[in-house]
Amino acid sequence: MNSRESQGDDSEEAPRGRVEMIPAKRRALILERLRREGAAGIQELADAINASPSTIRRDLEHLVKQGALERTHGGALLQSTARATFEPDTALAAQLRREEKNAIAAAVAEALRPGQSVIFDASTTVLAVARAVANRRLPLTAVTNSLAIAQVLADVPEVHLIVPGGTVRPGSTTLVGRPGEDFLRSLHADIALIGTHAITGRTLTETSLDVAAMKQAMIAAARHVMVLADSSKFTAPSFCTICDVADIQEIVTDDGIDPLAREELRRLNVVLRVVPVLRQDRHRG
């Protein structure tokens, strides 16, 4: 990606009055539109997102390289077969389903109580919870393997912050492996806030073994495990299993969850909390 694209600069070809948008947000809007429509043309996407066709072409090529899309003549469509190891880059993941993630995060943060010990998993939804905790200046003991979450909570004097260490996962701010995993095995926290790449039936899955192993250690280290998963996460399984729904206590999602997935979790006697979301018009950027 060149520097001009990374800044979202379309000034040479953008009509006067067009509001520039960061590439990650544009690409999130493209993916969400394709999830709704299945396929779309370049001009259709350009009109919907208020970007130039050449900018949309660059965004599509980037998403194709990541494995999210297939190019068609004059447009794109979602991958016909989901790749079990696919995950969006960090910047893109932060933009996807932002309204849903923020609604889930606000509800979860409101449920936390002063003095609790809380494990914060490295996920974009859990990061949103950390920001809500910081805004509330809630006194907690916080343990996290996310450098991004640690940076947010480090600015809150009321939070006793513990970063257990490990190896930084390439392209992310996530710590995995030892000594973090070993340290987690010595904890007995009140709550663990866990993200997941997919929930399929009764199985939670992730895209990589090292990330799954870290989440497993967190689940074992807490008395109450809350899985934070927006409604897009109820989909085909990813590469490796984290755990069975019997190993957790609660799933928090948004009101876009498919009714069939919702009913299946009810049959499995899973505590499911569904958070209402006030959604803005996603057809415009």
C-alpha atoms as a PDB file:
ATOM      1  CA  MET A   1       0.000   0.000   0.000  1.00  0.00           C
ATOM      2  CA  ASN A   2       1.488   3.360  -0.925  1.00  0.00           C
ATOM      3  CA  SER A   3       1.500   6.346   1.407  1.00  0.00           C
ATOM      4  CA  ARG A   4      -1.139   8.185  -0.583  1.00  0.00           C
ATOM      5  CA  GLU A   5      -3.587   5.314  -0.225  1.00  0.00           C
ATOM      6  CA  SER A   6      -2.774   4.714   3.427  1.00  0.00           C
ATOM      7  CA  GLN A   7      -3.892   8.259   4.164  1.00  0.00           C
ATOM      8  CA  GLY A   8      -7.076   7.848   2.162  1.00  0.00           C
ATOM      9  CA  ASP A   9      -6.042  10.746  -0.130  1.00  0.00           C
ATOM     10  CA  ASP A  10      -8.215  10.863  -3.240  1.00  0.00           C
ATOM     11  CA  SER A  11      -7.735  14.579  -3.774  1.00  0.00           C
ATOM     12  CA  GLU A  12      -6.545  14.329  -7.381  1.00  0.00           C
ATOM     13  CA  GLU A  13      -9.716  12.659  -8.573  1.00  0.00           C
ATOM     14  CA  ALA A  14     -12.317  13.427  -5.891  1.00  0.00           C
ATOM     15  CA  PRO A  15     -15.132  15.761  -6.867  1.00  0.00           C
ATOM     16  CA  ARG A  16     -15.278  18.978  -4.877  1.00  0.00           C
ATOM     17  CA  GLY A  17     -17.119  18.525  -1.602  1.00  0.00           C
ATOM     18  CA  ARG A  18     -16.342  14.832  -1.185  1.00  0.00           C
ATOM     19  CA  VAL A  19     -15.430  13.976   2.392  1.00  0.00           C
ATOM     20  CA  GLU A  20     -12.321  11.817   2.563  1.00  0.00           C
ATOM     21  CA  MET A  21     -12.534   8.584   4.533  1.00  0.00           C
ATOM     22  CA  ILE A  22      -9.784   6.386   5.942  1.00  0.00           C
ATOM     23  CA  PRO A  23      -9.198   3.244   3.843  1.00  0.00           C
ATOM     24  CA  ALA A  24     -10.140   0.859   6.656  1.00  0.00           C
ATOM     25  CA  LYS A  25     -13.556   2.476   7.038  1.00  0.00           C
ATOM     26  CA  ARG A  26     -14.204   2.389   3.280  1.00  0.00           C
ATOM     27  CA  ARG A  27     -13.246  -1.278   3.141  1.00  0.00           C
ATOM     28  CA  ALA A  28     -15.489  -2.084   6.097  1.00  0.00           C
ATOM     29  CA  LEU A  29     -18.394  -0.397   4.312  1.00  0.00           C
ATOM     30  CA  ILE A  30     -17.624  -2.395   1.171  1.00  0.00           C
ATOM     31  CA  LEU A  31     -17.609  -5.691   3.074  1.00  0.00           C
ATOM     32  CA  GLU A  32     -20.806  -4.907   4.931  1.00  0.00           C
ATOM     33  CA  ARG A  33     -22.575  -3.923   1.717  1.00  0.00           C
ATOM     34  CA  LEU A  34     -21.450  -7.142   0.040  1.00  0.00           C
ATOM     35  CA  ARG A  35     -22.676  -9.151   3.037  1.00  0.00           C
ATOM     36  CA  ARG A  36     -26.098  -7.640   2.473  1.00  0.00           C
ATOM     37  CA  GLU A  37     -26.179  -7.736  -1.325  1.00  0.00           C
ATOM     38  CA  GLY A  38     -23.828 -10.627  -2.172  1.00  0.00           C
ATOM     39  CA  ALA A  39     -22.202  -8.716  -5.040  1.00  0.00           C
ATOM     40  CA  ALA A  40     -21.847  -5.147  -6.259  1.00  0.00           C
ATOM     41  CA  GLY A  41     -20.324  -3.163  -9.113  1.00  0.00           C
ATOM     42  CA  ILE A  42     -17.551  -0.594  -8.776  1.00  0.00           C
ATOM     43  CA  GLN A  43     -19.746   2.362  -9.680  1.00  0.00           C
ATOM     44  CA  GLU A  44     -22.472   1.149  -7.321  1.00  0.00           C
ATOM     45  CA  LEU A  45     -19.973   0.965  -4.468  1.00  0.00           C
ATOM     46  CA  ALA A  46     -18.471   4.332  -5.383  1.00  0.00           C
ATOM     47  CA  ASP A  47     -21.896   5.979  -5.278  1.00  0.00           C
ATOM     48  CA  ALA A  48     -22.865   4.282  -2.024  1.00  0.00           C
ATOM     49  CA  ILE A  49     -19.627   5.110  -0.193  1.00  0.00           C
ATOM     50  CA  ASN A  50     -19.062   8.513  -1.831  1.00  0.00           C
ATOM     51  CA  ALA A  51     -15.628   7.602  -3.177  1.00  0.00           C
ATOM     52  CA  SER A  52     -14.086   7.625  -6.641  1.00  0.00           C
ATOM     53  CA  PRO A  53     -14.174   4.451  -8.798  1.00  0.00           C
ATOM     54  CA  SER A  54     -10.369   4.273  -8.837  1.00  0.00           C
ATOM     55  CA  THR A  55     -10.294   4.377  -5.029  1.00  0.00           C
ATOM     56  CA  ILE A  56     -12.867   1.579  -4.896  1.00  0.00           C
ATOM     57  CA  ARG A  57     -10.759  -0.483  -7.320  1.00  0.00           C
ATOM     58  CA  ARG A  58      -7.731  -0.135  -5.018  1.00  0.00           C
ATOM     59  CA  ASP A  59      -9.836  -1.101  -2.015  1.00  0.00           C
ATOM     60  CA  LEU A  60     -11.184  -4.161  -3.820  1.00  0.00           C
ATOM     61  CA  GLU A  61      -7.699  -5.294  -4.810  1.00  0.00           C
ATOM     62  CA  HIS A  62      -6.572  -4.936  -1.196  1.00  0.00           C
ATOM     63  CA  LEU A  63      -9.512  -7.012   0.039  1.00  0.00           C
ATOM     64  CA  VAL A  64      -8.895  -9.648  -2.643  1.00  0.00           C
ATOM     65  CA  LYS A  65      -5.279  -9.990  -1.486  1.00  0.00           C
ATOM     66  CA  GLN A  66      -6.511 -10.464   2.083  1.00  0.00           C
ATOM     67  CA  GLY A  67      -8.849 -13.221   0.915  1.00  0.00           C
ATOM     68  CA  ALA A  68     -12.100 -11.444   1.733  1.00  0.00           C
ATOM     69  CA  LEU A  69     -13.471 -11.016  -1.805  1.00  0.00           C
ATOM     70  CA  GLU A  70     -13.502 -12.364  -5.318  1.00  0.00           C
ATOM     71  CA  ARG A  71     -13.241  -9.890  -8.177  1.00  0.00           C
ATOM     72  CA  THR A  72     -15.808  -9.957 -10.941  1.00  0.00           C
ATOM     73  CA  HIS A  73     -15.966  -8.063 -14.210  1.00  0.00           C
ATOM     74  CA  GLY A  74     -16.718  -4.541 -13.023  1.00  0.00           C
ATOM     75  CA  GLY A  75     -17.135  -5.362  -9.336  1.00  0.00           C
ATOM     76  CA  ALA A  76     -16.718  -7.921  -6.575  1.00  0.00           C
ATOM     77  CA  LEU A  77     -18.492 -10.560  -4.525  1.00  0.00           C
ATOM     78  CA  LEU A  78     -17.833 -12.287  -1.235  1.00  0.00           C
ATOM     79  CA  GLN A  79     -15.689 -15.405  -1.254  1.00  0.00           C
ATOM     80  CA  SER A  80     -17.907 -18.304  -2.291  1.00  0.00           C
ATOM     81  CA  THR A  81     -16.138 -20.536   0.230  1.00  0.00           C
ATOM     82  CA  ALA A  82     -15.066 -18.959   3.493  1.00  0.00           C
ATOM     83  CA  ARG A  83     -11.399 -19.477   4.378  1.00  0.00           C
ATOM     84  CA  ALA A  84     -11.020 -20.909   7.849  1.00  0.00           C
ATOM     85  CA  THR A  85      -7.849 -18.916   8.550  1.00  0.00           C
ATOM     86  CA  PHE A  86      -9.045 -15.592   7.099  1.00  0.00           C
ATOM     87  CA  GLU A  87      -9.084 -12.603   9.400  1.00  0.00           C
ATOM     88  CA  PRO A  88      -9.164  -8.922   8.487  1.00  0.00           C
ATOM     89  CA  ASP A  89      -6.180  -6.750   9.312  1.00  0.00           C
ATOM     90  CA  THR A  90      -6.313  -4.832  12.582  1.00  0.00           C
ATOM     91  CA  ALA A  91      -7.385  -1.502  11.096  1.00  0.00           C
ATOM     92  CA  LEU A  92     -10.181  -3.096   9.069  1.00  0.00           C
ATOM     93  CA  ALA A  93     -11.401  -5.230  11.982  1.00  0.00           C
ATOM     94  CA  ALA A  94     -11.744  -2.102  14.112  1.00  0.00           C
ATOM     95  CA  GLN A  95     -14.137  -0.582  11.550  1.00  0.00           C
ATOM     96  CA  LEU A  96     -16.356  -3.612  10.948  1.00  0.00           C
ATOM     97  CA  ARG A  97     -19.690  -3.651  12.812  1.00  0.00           C
ATOM     98  CA  ARG A  98     -18.713  -0.631  14.884  1.00  0.00           C
ATOM     99  CA  GLU A  99     -22.253   0.223  15.986  1.00  0.00           C
ATOM    100  CA  GLU A 100     -22.878  -3.337  17.147  1.00  0.00           C
ATOM    101  CA  LYS A 101     -19.533  -3.587  18.935  1.00  0.00           C
ATOM    102  CA  ASN A 102     -20.021  -0.273  20.715  1.00  0.00           C
ATOM    103  CA  ALA A 103     -23.532  -1.244  21.839  1.00  0.00           C
ATOM    104  CA  ILE A 104     -22.278  -4.584  23.182  1.00  0.00           C
ATOM    105  CA  ALA A 105     -19.334  -2.875  24.875  1.00  0.00           C
ATOM    106  CA  ALA A 106     -21.510  -0.266  26.570  1.00  0.00           C
ATOM    107  CA  ALA A 107     -23.813  -2.952  27.969  1.00  0.00           C
ATOM    108  CA  VAL A 108     -20.915  -5.073  29.232  1.00  0.00           C
ATOM    109  CA  ALA A 109     -19.052  -2.137  30.779  1.00  0.00           C
ATOM    110  CA  GLU A 110     -22.210  -1.066  32.580  1.00  0.00           C
ATOM    111  CA  ALA A 111     -22.460  -4.536  34.129  1.00  0.00           C
ATOM    112  CA  LEU A 112     -18.930  -4.437  35.567  1.00  0.00           C
ATOM    113  CA  ARG A 113     -18.585  -3.505  39.220  1.00  0.00           C
ATOM    114  CA  PRO A 114     -15.890  -1.620  41.143  1.00  0.00           C
ATOM    115  CA  GLY A 115     -13.201  -3.843  42.592  1.00  0.00           C
ATOM    116  CA  GLN A 116     -13.660  -6.757  40.202  1.00  0.00           C
ATOM    117  CA  SER A 117     -10.752  -8.570  38.579  1.00  0.00           C
ATOM    118  CA  VAL A 118     -11.327  -8.717  34.827  1.00  0.00           C
ATOM    119  CA  ILE A 119      -9.418 -10.434  32.033  1.00  0.00           C
ATOM    120  CA  PHE A 120      -9.580  -8.460  28.787  1.00  0.00           C
ATOM    121  CA  ASP A 121      -8.995 -10.611  25.709  1.00  0.00           C
ATOM    122  CA  ALA A 122      -7.423  -9.060  22.613  1.00  0.00           C
ATOM    123  CA  SER A 123     -10.430  -8.366  20.399  1.00  0.00           C
ATOM    124  CA  THR A 124     -11.934  -5.221  18.913  1.00  0.00           C
ATOM    125  CA  THR A 125     -15.172  -5.593  20.883  1.00  0.00           C
ATOM    126  CA  VAL A 126     -13.289  -6.084  24.156  1.00  0.00           C
ATOM    127  CA  LEU A 127     -11.188  -3.042  23.254  1.00  0.00           C
ATOM    128  CA  ALA A 128     -14.432  -1.075  23.043  1.00  0.00           C
ATOM    129  CA  VAL A 129     -15.279  -2.294  26.570  1.00  0.00           C
ATOM    130  CA  ALA A 130     -11.879  -1.079  27.789  1.00  0.00           C
ATOM    131  CA  ARG A 131     -12.603   2.373  26.354  1.00  0.00           C
ATOM    132  CA  ALA A 132     -15.973   2.425  28.125  1.00  0.00           C
ATOM    133  CA  VAL A 133     -14.287   1.383  31.393  1.00  0.00           C
ATOM    134  CA  ALA A 134     -11.757   4.189  30.935  1.00  0.00           C
ATOM    135  CA  ASN A 135     -14.544   6.713  30.396  1.00  0.00           C
ATOM    136  CA  ARG A 136     -16.234   5.547  33.599  1.00  0.00           C
ATOM    137  CA  ARG A 137     -12.886   5.519  35.462  1.00  0.00           C
ATOM    138  CA  LEU A 138     -14.014   2.238  36.962  1.00  0.00           C
ATOM    139  CA  PRO A 139     -11.620   0.834  39.587  1.00  0.00           C
ATOM    140  CA  LEU A 140     -10.672  -2.669  38.456  1.00  0.00           C
ATOM    141  CA  THR A 141      -7.806  -5.099  38.404  1.00  0.00           C
ATOM    142  CA  ALA A 142      -7.360  -5.646  34.676  1.00  0.00           C
ATOM    143  CA  VAL A 143      -5.327  -8.356  32.966  1.00  0.00           C
ATOM    144  CA  THR A 144      -4.861  -8.175  29.202  1.00  0.00           C
ATOM    145  CA  ASN A 145      -2.782  -9.640  26.400  1.00  0.00           C
ATOM    146  CA  SER A 146      -3.621  -6.673  24.159  1.00  0.00           C
ATOM    147  CA  LEU A 147      -1.138  -3.816  23.905  1.00  0.00           C
ATOM    148  CA  ALA A 148      -3.948  -1.627  22.536  1.00  0.00           C
ATOM    149  CA  ILE A 149      -6.154  -2.315  25.568  1.00  0.00           C
ATOM    150  CA  ALA A 150      -3.188  -1.850  27.895  1.00  0.00           C
ATOM    151  CA  GLN A 151      -2.550   1.572  26.378  1.00  0.00           C
ATOM    152  CA  VAL A 152      -6.170   2.597  26.989  1.00  0.00           C
ATOM    153  CA  LEU A 153      -6.276   1.361  30.589  1.00  0.00           C
ATOM    154  CA  ALA A 154      -2.797   2.612  31.483  1.00  0.00           C
ATOM    155  CA  ASP A 155      -4.185   6.152  31.449  1.00  0.00           C
ATOM    156  CA  VAL A 156      -6.759   5.311  34.146  1.00  0.00           C
ATOM    157  CA  PRO A 157      -5.250   5.656  37.645  1.00  0.00           C
ATOM    158  CA  GLU A 158      -8.155   3.688  39.137  1.00  0.00           C
ATOM    159  CA  VAL A 159      -7.226   0.564  37.137  1.00  0.00           C
ATOM    160  CA  HIS A 160      -4.557  -1.805  38.399  1.00  0.00           C
ATOM    161  CA  LEU A 161      -3.198  -3.060  35.080  1.00  0.00           C
ATOM    162  CA  ILE A 162      -1.352  -6.333  34.524  1.00  0.00           C
ATOM    163  CA  VAL A 163       0.129  -7.327  31.161  1.00  0.00           C
ATOM    164  CA  PRO A 164       1.286 -10.946  31.460  1.00  0.00           C
ATOM    165  CA  GLY A 165       3.752 -10.851  28.569  1.00  0.00           C
ATOM    166  CA  GLY A 166       4.358 -12.986  25.523  1.00  0.00           C
ATOM    167  CA  THR A 167       5.264 -12.633  21.870  1.00  0.00           C
ATOM    168  CA  VAL A 168       3.621  -9.943  19.748  1.00  0.00           C
ATOM    169  CA  ARG A 169       1.619 -11.567  16.987  1.00  0.00           C
ATOM    170  CA  PRO A 170       2.720 -10.242  13.561  1.00  0.00           C
ATOM    171  CA  GLY A 171       0.497  -7.465  12.257  1.00  0.00           C
ATOM    172  CA  SER A 172      -1.361  -7.007  15.529  1.00  0.00           C
ATOM    173  CA  THR A 173      -1.075  -5.744  19.102  1.00  0.00           C
ATOM    174  CA  THR A 174      -1.855  -9.183  20.576  1.00  0.00           C
ATOM    175  CA  LEU A 175       0.516 -11.046  22.896  1.00  0.00           C
ATOM    176  CA  VAL A 176       0.483 -14.836  22.653  1.00  0.00           C
ATOM    177  CA  GLY A 177       2.431 -17.765  24.090  1.00  0.00           C
ATOM    178  CA  ARG A 178       4.677 -17.801  27.112  1.00  0.00           C
ATOM    179  CA  PRO A 179       5.038 -16.374  29.721  1.00  0.00           C
ATOM    180  CA  GLY A 180       1.470 -15.058  29.365  1.00  0.00           C
ATOM    181  CA  GLU A 181      -0.195 -18.462  29.150  1.00  0.00           C
ATOM    182  CA  ASP A 182       1.689 -19.742  32.198  1.00  0.00           C
ATOM    183  CA  PHE A 183       0.791 -16.625  34.190  1.00  0.00           C
ATOM    184  CA  LEU A 184      -2.908 -16.958  33.359  1.00  0.00           C
ATOM    185  CA  ARG A 185      -2.946 -20.486  34.768  1.00  0.00           C
ATOM    186  CA  SER A 186      -2.160 -19.002  38.208  1.00  0.00           C
ATOM    187  CA  LEU A 187      -5.158 -16.639  38.197  1.00  0.00           C
ATOM    188  CA  HIS A 188      -8.686 -16.888  39.572  1.00  0.00           C
ATOM    189  CA  ALA A 189     -10.322 -13.788  38.097  1.00  0.00           C
ATOM    190  CA  ASP A 190     -13.920 -12.709  38.566  1.00  0.00           C
ATOM    191  CA  ILE A 191     -14.677 -12.227  34.872  1.00  0.00           C
ATOM    192  CA  ALA A 192     -13.083 -12.926  31.498  1.00  0.00           C
ATOM    193  CA  LEU A 193     -14.216 -10.950  28.455  1.00  0.00           C
ATOM    194  CA  ILE A 194     -13.475 -13.079  25.406  1.00  0.00           C
ATOM    195  CA  GLY A 195     -13.803 -12.466  21.690  1.00  0.00           C
ATOM    196  CA  THR A 196     -14.190 -15.179  19.081  1.00  0.00           C
ATOM    197  CA  HIS A 197     -13.901 -15.360  15.319  1.00  0.00           C
ATOM    198  CA  ALA A 198     -16.928 -17.617  14.903  1.00  0.00           C
ATOM    199  CA  ILE A 199     -19.701 -19.351  16.813  1.00  0.00           C
ATOM    200  CA  THR A 200     -21.119 -22.372  15.027  1.00  0.00           C
ATOM    201  CA  GLY A 201     -23.714 -24.342  16.914  1.00  0.00           C
ATOM    202  CA  ARG A 202     -22.078 -25.101  20.237  1.00  0.00           C
ATOM    203  CA  THR A 203     -18.481 -24.506  19.102  1.00  0.00           C
ATOM    204  CA  LEU A 204     -16.372 -21.347  19.388  1.00  0.00           C
ATOM    205  CA  THR A 205     -13.468 -21.132  16.938  1.00  0.00           C
ATOM    206  CA  GLU A 206     -10.475 -18.984  16.014  1.00  0.00           C
ATOM    207  CA  THR A 207      -8.193 -18.518  13.022  1.00  0.00           C
ATOM    208  CA  SER A 208      -4.904 -19.511  14.680  1.00  0.00           C
ATOM    209  CA  LEU A 209      -3.714 -22.015  17.242  1.00  0.00           C
ATOM    210  CA  ASP A 210      -1.712 -19.544  19.348  1.00  0.00           C
ATOM    211  CA  VAL A 211      -4.668 -17.171  19.702  1.00  0.00           C
ATOM    212  CA  ALA A 212      -7.004 -20.056  20.582  1.00  0.00           C
ATOM    213  CA  ALA A 213      -4.555 -21.310  23.219  1.00  0.00           C
ATOM    214  CA  MET A 214      -4.432 -17.882  24.877  1.00  0.00           C
ATOM    215  CA  LYS A 215      -8.223 -17.684  24.990  1.00  0.00           C
ATOM    216  CA  GLN A 216      -8.406 -21.179  26.489  1.00  0.00           C
ATOM    217  CA  ALA A 217      -6.060 -20.110  29.278  1.00  0.00           C
ATOM    218  CA  MET A 218      -8.206 -17.038  29.947  1.00  0.00           C
ATOM    219  CA  ILE A 219     -11.396 -19.103  30.070  1.00  0.00           C
ATOM    220  CA  ALA A 220      -9.822 -21.470  32.602  1.00  0.00           C
ATOM    221  CA  ALA A 221      -8.656 -18.512  34.709  1.00  0.00           C
ATOM    222  CA  ALA A 222     -12.064 -16.896  35.334  1.00  0.00           C
ATOM    223  CA  ARG A 223     -15.167 -17.784  37.335  1.00  0.00           C
ATOM    224  CA  HIS A 224     -17.496 -16.100  34.847  1.00  0.00           C
ATOM    225  CA  VAL A 225     -16.723 -16.050  31.116  1.00  0.00           C
ATOM    226  CA  MET A 226     -18.548 -13.624  28.848  1.00  0.00           C
ATOM    227  CA  VAL A 227     -18.106 -14.103  25.104  1.00  0.00           C
ATOM    228  CA  LEU A 228     -18.597 -10.854  23.210  1.00  0.00           C
ATOM    229  CA  ALA A 229     -19.638 -11.614  19.630  1.00  0.00           C
ATOM    230  CA  ASP A 230     -21.518  -9.364  17.240  1.00  0.00           C
ATOM    231  CA  SER A 231     -24.168 -11.053  15.104  1.00  0.00           C
ATOM    232  CA  SER A 232     -21.831 -11.535  12.108  1.00  0.00           C
ATOM    233  CA  LYS A 233     -19.824 -14.035  14.191  1.00  0.00           C
ATOM    234  CA  PHE A 234     -22.573 -16.662  13.994  1.00  0.00           C
ATOM    235  CA  THR A 235     -21.194 -18.282  10.889  1.00  0.00           C
ATOM    236  CA  ALA A 236     -19.091 -21.172   9.551  1.00  0.00           C
ATOM    237  CA  PRO A 237     -16.302 -22.353  11.866  1.00  0.00           C
ATOM    238  CA  SER A 238     -12.800 -20.967  11.678  1.00  0.00           C
ATOM    239  CA  PHE A 239      -9.597 -23.000  11.712  1.00  0.00           C
ATOM    240  CA  CYS A 240      -9.353 -24.245  15.302  1.00  0.00           C
ATOM    241  CA  THR A 241     -11.609 -24.769  18.306  1.00  0.00           C
ATOM    242  CA  ILE A 242     -11.462 -22.546  21.357  1.00  0.00           C
ATOM    243  CA  CYS A 243     -14.088 -24.313  23.435  1.00  0.00           C
ATOM    244  CA  ASP A 244     -17.633 -25.623  23.684  1.00  0.00           C
ATOM    245  CA  VAL A 245     -20.425 -23.315  24.812  1.00  0.00           C
ATOM    246  CA  ALA A 246     -20.658 -25.450  27.954  1.00  0.00           C
ATOM    247  CA  ASP A 247     -17.280 -24.001  28.980  1.00  0.00           C
ATOM    248  CA  ILE A 248     -18.581 -20.432  29.151  1.00  0.00           C
ATOM    249  CA  GLN A 249     -21.296 -18.722  31.162  1.00  0.00           C
ATOM    250  CA  GLU A 250     -22.697 -16.055  28.854  1.00  0.00           C
ATOM    251  CA  ILE A 251     -22.757 -14.779  25.275  1.00  0.00           C
ATOM    252  CA  VAL A 252     -23.442 -11.094  24.586  1.00  0.00           C
ATOM    253  CA  THR A 253     -24.446 -10.192  21.037  1.00  0.00           C
ATOM    254  CA  ASP A 254     -26.548  -7.641  19.146  1.00  0.00           C
ATOM    255  CA  ASP A 255     -30.123  -7.803  17.917  1.00  0.00           C
ATOM    256  CA  GLY A 256     -29.028  -8.659  14.384  1.00  0.00           C
ATOM    257  CA  ILE A 257     -28.435 -12.281  15.392  1.00  0.00           C
ATOM    258  CA  ASP A 258     -30.064 -14.809  13.107  1.00  0.00           C
ATOM    259  CA  PRO A 259     -33.226 -16.223  14.740  1.00  0.00           C
ATOM    260  CA  LEU A 260     -32.085 -19.791  14.043  1.00  0.00           C
ATOM    261  CA  ALA A 261     -28.765 -19.219  15.809  1.00  0.00           C
ATOM    262  CA  ARG A 262     -30.587 -17.577  18.675  1.00  0.00           C
ATOM    263  CA  GLU A 263     -32.981 -20.489  19.051  1.00  0.00           C
ATOM    264  CA  GLU A 264     -30.162 -23.038  18.888  1.00  0.00           C
ATOM    265  CA  LEU A 265     -28.346 -21.333  21.762  1.00  0.00           C
ATOM    266  CA  ARG A 266     -31.557 -21.278  23.755  1.00  0.00           C
ATOM    267  CA  ARG A 267     -31.892 -25.046  23.253  1.00  0.00           C
ATOM    268  CA  LEU A 268     -28.336 -25.450  24.508  1.00  0.00           C
ATOM    269  CA  ASN A 269     -29.286 -23.546  27.680  1.00  0.00           C
ATOM    270  CA  VAL A 270     -26.732 -20.840  26.985  1.00  0.00           C
ATOM    271  CA  VAL A 271     -27.266 -17.516  28.750  1.00  0.00           C
ATOM    272  CA  LEU A 272     -27.689 -15.211  25.765  1.00  0.00           C
ATOM    273  CA  ARG A 273     -27.858 -11.457  26.202  1.00  0.00           C
ATOM    274  CA  VAL A 274     -29.085  -9.590  23.119  1.00  0.00           C
ATOM    275  CA  VAL A 275     -28.282  -5.881  23.013  1.00  0.00           C
ATOM    276  CA  PRO A 276     -30.407  -3.529  20.888  1.00  0.00           C
ATOM    277  CA  VAL A 277     -28.487  -1.384  18.391  1.00  0.00           C
ATOM    278  CA  LEU A 278     -29.431   1.980  16.943  1.00  0.00           C
ATOM    279  CA  ARG A 279     -28.047   1.617  13.430  1.00  0.00           C
ATOM    280  CA  GLN A 280     -27.282   4.476  11.088  1.00  0.00           C
ATOM    281  CA  ASP A 281     -27.731   4.280   7.322  1.00  0.00           C
ATOM    282  CA  ARG A 282     -24.858   2.134   6.069  1.00  0.00           C
ATOM    283  CA  HIS A 283     -25.494   2.820   2.413  1.00  0.00           C
ATOM    284  CA  ARG A 284     -23.656   6.126   2.664  1.00  0.00           C
ATOM    285  CA  GLY A 285     -20.141   6.762   3.913  1.00  0.00           C
END
